Protein backbone atom coordinates (compact mmCIF):
# COMPACT_ATOMS: atom_id res chain seq x y z
CA MET A 1 1.55 29.20 -15.79
CA ILE A 2 -0.21 26.09 -14.50
CA VAL A 3 0.29 22.53 -15.66
CA CYS A 4 -2.15 19.73 -14.84
CA LYS A 5 -1.89 15.95 -15.26
CA GLU A 6 -5.45 15.86 -16.54
CA PHE A 7 -4.33 17.93 -19.56
CA PRO A 8 -0.75 16.83 -20.31
CA ASN A 9 -0.44 18.84 -23.52
CA GLN A 10 -1.80 22.13 -22.18
CA VAL A 11 -0.57 25.01 -20.04
CA PHE A 12 -3.07 27.27 -18.25
CA GLU A 13 -2.58 30.95 -17.52
CA SER A 14 -4.79 30.93 -14.41
CA LYS A 15 -6.75 28.67 -12.08
CA GLU A 16 -9.93 30.03 -13.61
CA SER A 17 -8.95 28.79 -17.07
CA LEU A 18 -7.98 25.42 -15.59
CA PHE A 19 -11.29 25.16 -13.72
CA LYS A 20 -13.16 25.96 -16.94
CA ALA A 21 -11.36 23.13 -18.75
CA LEU A 22 -12.04 20.71 -15.89
CA ARG A 23 -15.73 21.63 -15.84
CA GLU A 24 -16.17 21.36 -19.60
CA ASN A 25 -14.37 18.00 -19.73
CA LYS A 26 -15.67 16.53 -16.47
CA SER A 27 -17.66 13.67 -18.00
CA THR A 28 -14.78 12.64 -20.25
CA LEU A 29 -12.22 12.82 -17.44
CA ILE A 30 -14.40 10.72 -15.12
CA ALA A 31 -14.95 8.16 -17.88
CA GLN A 32 -11.20 7.98 -18.50
CA LYS A 33 -10.50 7.43 -14.82
CA LYS A 34 -13.06 4.64 -14.61
CA MET A 35 -11.47 2.92 -17.59
CA MET A 36 -7.96 2.90 -16.15
CA THR A 37 -6.41 0.77 -13.43
CA LYS A 38 -5.02 3.20 -10.92
CA GLN A 39 -1.79 2.40 -9.17
CA ALA A 40 -1.74 4.56 -6.05
CA ASP A 41 1.60 4.03 -4.44
CA ALA A 42 3.51 5.10 -1.31
CA VAL A 43 5.80 5.76 1.87
CA VAL A 44 8.21 5.82 4.78
CA TYR A 45 7.89 3.93 8.04
CA SER A 46 9.99 1.73 10.29
CA ALA A 47 9.02 -1.93 10.55
CA GLN A 48 9.99 -4.32 13.30
CA ALA A 49 10.81 -7.97 13.00
CA ILE A 50 9.50 -10.36 15.62
CA ASN A 51 11.11 -13.68 16.35
CA GLN A 52 9.21 -16.82 17.27
CA LYS A 53 9.58 -16.10 20.99
CA GLY A 54 7.95 -12.71 20.63
CA GLY A 55 11.12 -10.64 20.94
CA THR A 56 12.07 -7.95 18.44
CA MET A 57 15.18 -8.11 16.30
CA LYS A 58 17.11 -5.51 14.35
CA MET A 59 16.68 -6.07 10.63
CA ASP A 60 20.43 -6.31 10.01
CA GLN A 61 20.63 -9.12 12.55
CA ILE A 62 18.37 -11.41 10.55
CA ASP A 63 19.96 -14.35 8.78
CA VAL A 64 17.62 -14.61 5.80
CA SER A 65 18.98 -18.01 4.84
CA SER A 66 17.55 -19.47 8.06
CA ILE A 67 14.03 -18.13 7.41
CA ASN A 68 11.48 -19.70 5.08
CA LYS A 69 8.23 -17.90 5.91
CA LEU A 70 7.19 -14.38 6.99
CA ALA A 71 3.85 -12.97 8.13
CA LEU A 72 3.35 -9.37 7.04
CA LYS A 73 0.96 -6.62 8.04
CA LEU A 74 0.92 -4.00 5.30
CA VAL A 75 -0.90 -0.72 4.72
CA ILE A 76 -1.83 -0.77 1.05
CA ASN A 77 -3.80 2.49 1.02
CA THR A 78 -5.04 5.23 3.35
CA THR A 79 -8.08 7.49 3.02
CA ASN A 80 -8.49 11.24 3.55
CA LEU A 81 -5.24 12.17 1.84
CA MET A 82 -4.89 13.95 -1.49
CA ASP A 83 -2.39 11.94 -3.54
CA SER A 84 -0.38 12.88 -6.62
CA HIS A 85 -3.28 11.81 -8.85
CA SER A 86 -5.30 14.61 -7.17
CA ASP A 87 -7.50 11.87 -5.68
CA VAL A 88 -8.93 11.84 -2.18
CA HIS A 89 -10.10 8.37 -1.18
CA VAL A 90 -12.81 8.80 1.45
CA LYS A 91 -13.95 6.51 4.24
CA GLY A 92 -15.99 3.57 3.04
CA ILE A 93 -14.21 3.34 -0.32
CA TRP A 94 -13.09 -0.28 0.26
CA LYS A 95 -16.08 -1.61 2.22
CA LYS A 96 -17.84 -3.35 -0.67
CA SER A 97 -14.72 -4.57 -2.44
CA VAL A 98 -13.15 -6.12 0.67
CA LYS A 99 -16.28 -8.25 1.13
CA GLU A 100 -16.44 -9.30 -2.52
CA LYS A 101 -12.80 -9.69 -3.57
CA LYS A 102 -11.29 -12.91 -2.20
CA ASP A 103 -8.56 -13.82 -4.70
CA LEU A 104 -5.99 -11.14 -3.98
CA TYR A 105 -2.32 -10.92 -4.88
CA LEU A 106 0.59 -9.09 -3.33
CA LEU A 107 2.75 -8.13 -6.30
CA GLN A 108 6.12 -6.60 -7.00
CA GLU A 109 5.59 -3.16 -8.57
CA HIS A 110 2.14 -3.85 -10.07
CA ALA A 111 3.45 -6.40 -12.58
CA MET A 112 0.77 -9.08 -12.94
CA ARG A 113 3.28 -11.72 -14.02
CA PHE A 114 4.23 -15.03 -12.43
CA ASP A 115 7.76 -13.85 -11.66
CA HIS A 116 6.40 -10.74 -9.86
CA ILE A 117 3.84 -12.47 -7.64
CA ILE A 118 5.01 -12.28 -4.03
CA THR A 119 2.08 -14.25 -2.59
CA ASP A 120 -1.59 -15.06 -3.03
CA ASP A 121 -1.95 -15.86 0.68
CA VAL A 122 -3.59 -12.51 1.41
CA LYS A 123 -6.45 -11.39 3.64
CA ALA A 124 -7.70 -7.83 3.17
CA SER A 125 -9.41 -5.73 5.83
CA VAL A 126 -10.11 -2.11 6.67
CA GLU A 127 -8.78 -0.70 9.91
CA LEU A 128 -9.55 2.71 11.44
CA MET A 129 -6.23 4.20 12.55
CA ASP A 130 -4.98 7.47 14.03
CA TRP A 131 -2.62 9.35 11.75
CA LYS A 132 -0.12 9.53 14.61
CA ASP A 133 -0.01 5.72 14.73
CA LEU A 134 1.30 5.85 11.18
CA GLY A 135 4.01 8.30 12.14
CA GLN A 136 2.14 11.37 10.86
CA LYS A 137 1.38 14.72 12.47
CA TYR A 138 -2.07 15.04 10.95
CA GLU A 139 -5.02 15.27 13.31
CA GLY A 140 -7.80 12.72 13.18
CA GLN A 141 -8.06 9.28 11.66
CA THR A 142 -7.82 7.38 8.40
CA GLU A 143 -9.24 4.12 7.10
CA ALA A 144 -6.29 1.94 6.18
CA LEU A 145 -6.63 -0.85 3.65
CA ILE A 146 -4.65 -3.64 5.33
CA PHE A 147 -3.14 -6.74 3.75
CA ASN A 148 -2.23 -9.53 6.16
CA ALA A 149 -0.04 -11.73 3.99
CA VAL A 150 2.14 -14.78 4.45
CA ILE A 151 5.11 -15.01 2.09
CA ASP A 152 7.71 -17.64 1.36
CA LYS A 153 10.54 -17.70 -1.18
CA ARG A 154 8.29 -17.91 -4.23
CA ASN A 155 9.68 -14.46 -5.04
CA GLU A 156 13.01 -14.75 -3.28
CA TYR A 157 14.14 -11.22 -4.12
CA MET A 158 11.10 -9.62 -2.48
CA PHE A 159 11.29 -12.10 0.40
CA GLN A 160 14.73 -10.71 1.20
CA GLN A 161 13.51 -7.11 0.80
CA TYR A 162 10.80 -7.66 3.40
CA ALA A 163 13.02 -9.72 5.71
CA LYS A 164 15.65 -6.98 5.80
CA GLY A 165 13.10 -4.18 6.31
CA TYR A 166 13.62 -2.50 2.95
CA VAL A 167 9.95 -2.33 1.85
CA LYS A 168 8.53 0.94 3.14
CA ASN A 169 6.04 1.72 0.38
CA HIS A 170 2.94 0.06 -1.03
CA SER A 171 0.31 0.78 -3.64
CA VAL A 172 -3.18 -0.36 -4.49
CA GLY A 173 -4.08 -1.42 -8.00
CA MET A 174 -7.74 -0.38 -8.29
CA ARG A 175 -10.65 0.51 -10.52
CA TYR A 176 -12.74 3.61 -9.87
CA VAL A 177 -16.44 3.01 -9.25
CA LYS A 178 -17.83 6.23 -7.74
CA ILE A 179 -16.00 9.50 -8.33
CA GLU A 180 -16.86 13.20 -8.12
CA MET A 181 -15.04 16.41 -9.00
CA ALA A 182 -14.44 19.03 -6.29
CA ILE A 183 -13.45 22.59 -7.28
CA ASN A 184 -12.86 25.55 -4.99
CA SER A 185 -14.56 28.06 -7.26
CA GLU A 186 -17.11 30.81 -6.72
CA SER A 187 -18.15 30.80 -10.37
CA LYS A 188 -21.85 30.32 -11.04
CA TYR A 189 -20.83 27.58 -13.47
CA ASP A 190 -19.09 25.54 -10.75
CA VAL A 191 -21.91 25.33 -8.20
CA ASP A 192 -22.05 21.53 -8.20
CA GLU A 193 -18.28 21.12 -7.98
CA LYS A 194 -18.06 23.73 -5.17
CA GLU A 195 -20.72 21.82 -3.23
CA VAL A 196 -18.56 18.70 -3.41
CA TRP A 197 -15.52 20.73 -2.32
CA ASP A 198 -17.33 22.15 0.72
CA LYS A 199 -18.58 18.68 1.68
CA TYR A 200 -15.16 17.03 1.75
CA ILE A 201 -12.42 19.64 2.20
CA ASP A 202 -12.50 19.41 6.01
CA GLN A 203 -11.75 15.68 5.77
CA VAL A 204 -8.53 16.14 3.76
CA ALA A 205 -5.52 15.67 6.03
CA ASN A 206 -3.15 17.59 3.74
CA ARG A 207 -5.68 20.36 3.23
CA GLU A 208 -3.07 22.99 2.35
CA THR A 209 -2.01 20.93 -0.67
CA ALA A 210 -5.61 20.64 -1.85
CA GLU A 211 -6.24 24.36 -1.37
CA GLU A 212 -3.11 25.27 -3.27
CA LYS A 213 -4.19 23.13 -6.22
CA GLY A 214 -7.81 24.24 -6.03
CA PHE A 215 -9.44 20.98 -7.02
CA PHE A 216 -9.44 17.24 -6.31
CA TRP A 217 -11.29 14.05 -7.17
CA VAL A 218 -13.43 12.44 -4.47
CA VAL A 219 -13.34 8.64 -4.77
CA SER A 220 -16.04 7.08 -2.60
CA GLU A 221 -15.99 3.53 -4.03
CA ALA A 222 -13.32 1.49 -5.80
CA LYS A 223 -12.58 -2.13 -6.67
CA ILE A 224 -9.36 -3.67 -5.38
CA ILE A 225 -7.38 -5.40 -8.13
CA GLU A 226 -4.14 -6.08 -6.22
CA GLY A 227 -1.68 -4.61 -3.76
CA SER A 228 1.98 -4.02 -4.54
CA ALA A 229 5.33 -3.34 -2.96
CA VAL A 230 6.80 -0.24 -4.63
CA PRO A 231 9.86 1.98 -4.11
CA ILE A 232 7.76 5.17 -3.85
CA GLY A 233 4.33 6.29 -4.96
CA SER A 234 1.46 8.75 -5.05
CA ASN A 235 0.00 8.14 -1.57
CA THR A 236 2.78 8.75 0.90
CA ILE A 237 1.36 6.87 3.89
CA THR A 238 1.33 3.12 3.16
CA PRO A 239 3.94 1.47 5.40
CA THR A 240 4.98 -2.02 6.35
CA LEU A 241 3.65 -2.29 9.90
CA GLN A 242 5.01 -5.67 10.89
CA VAL A 243 7.28 -8.44 9.69
CA GLU A 244 6.99 -11.61 11.74
CA VAL A 245 9.28 -14.60 11.36
CA LYS A 246 6.89 -17.53 11.23
CA ASN A 247 9.32 -20.44 11.03
CA THR A 248 12.98 -21.10 10.44
CA GLU A 249 15.10 -23.89 9.11
CA PRO A 250 18.62 -24.77 10.30
CA SER A 251 21.48 -23.31 8.30
CA ALA A 252 23.67 -25.64 6.25
CA ASP A 253 26.35 -25.54 8.96
CA THR A 254 23.82 -26.37 11.66
CA GLN A 255 22.36 -29.18 9.58
CA GLN A 256 25.84 -30.63 9.08
CA THR A 257 26.60 -30.40 12.80
CA GLU A 258 23.34 -32.13 13.67
CA ALA A 259 24.04 -34.87 11.12
CA GLU A 260 27.52 -35.39 12.56
CA LYS A 261 26.06 -35.50 16.07
CA SER A 262 23.48 -38.08 14.99
CA LEU A 263 26.19 -40.20 13.37
CA GLN A 264 28.32 -39.99 16.49
CA GLU A 265 25.39 -41.05 18.67
CA LYS A 266 24.80 -44.06 16.41
CA GLN A 267 28.48 -45.00 16.56
CA ASN A 268 28.48 -44.72 20.35
CA TYR A 269 25.39 -46.90 20.50
CA LEU A 270 27.06 -49.57 18.36
CA LEU A 271 30.22 -49.42 20.47
CA ASN A 272 28.16 -49.92 23.61
CA LEU A 273 26.54 -52.98 22.08
CA ASN A 274 29.99 -54.48 21.54
């Protein structure tokens, strides 16, 4: 028996019967995907914190109370990977949207609410990266959607999560623009879908997963809505690459000591005058 997210209330006896349903409902399924806001989440990676002198620090050594601003480099999405939505984002997917979309948010768990905004100080870019540089064993490269963001304590909870190195997963909130169905079928009714499969299957890093399922959706263009920090998600390779401490403020104890020192200096000055 085969279950499929595209048909939540159905069970299929074979891949052939599933492929038939996909083919017959292709237009409707594509229309449904284009109407929804996809939240493609993700992963596991080790971030490093960098102090103002350029040295690295262990996350558990950071005194969050003494920090008021962090610069982050985040992978929000990666291409050439079949995710749990059965989507394969291909290279070039973000090219148009990155140029057009300027008002971006980094959110907490896709909630577009004031109390879940982490920052709107975000610059998006696309960076070609080797899979191995993201801690993966896949061969080849991926286009990573990167958010360079500066955060303060507007969302203090998430500020602490990033400062302590707890955020290892991200997700892109997006709208589908160009999407095709790929099916690994030899049926004369699936010629178009098999052509799409043959065109893209060699680009899929987790090819074995795609072959086991027998189909996927090729997404060649999408609009970025937002990027989010999430506990875990559908795309498993979206790490925090860097957390940089931008500036610090003295702790309460340090501030008190400095105030006492200043007072003592003033008293000494007055004594000298006398």
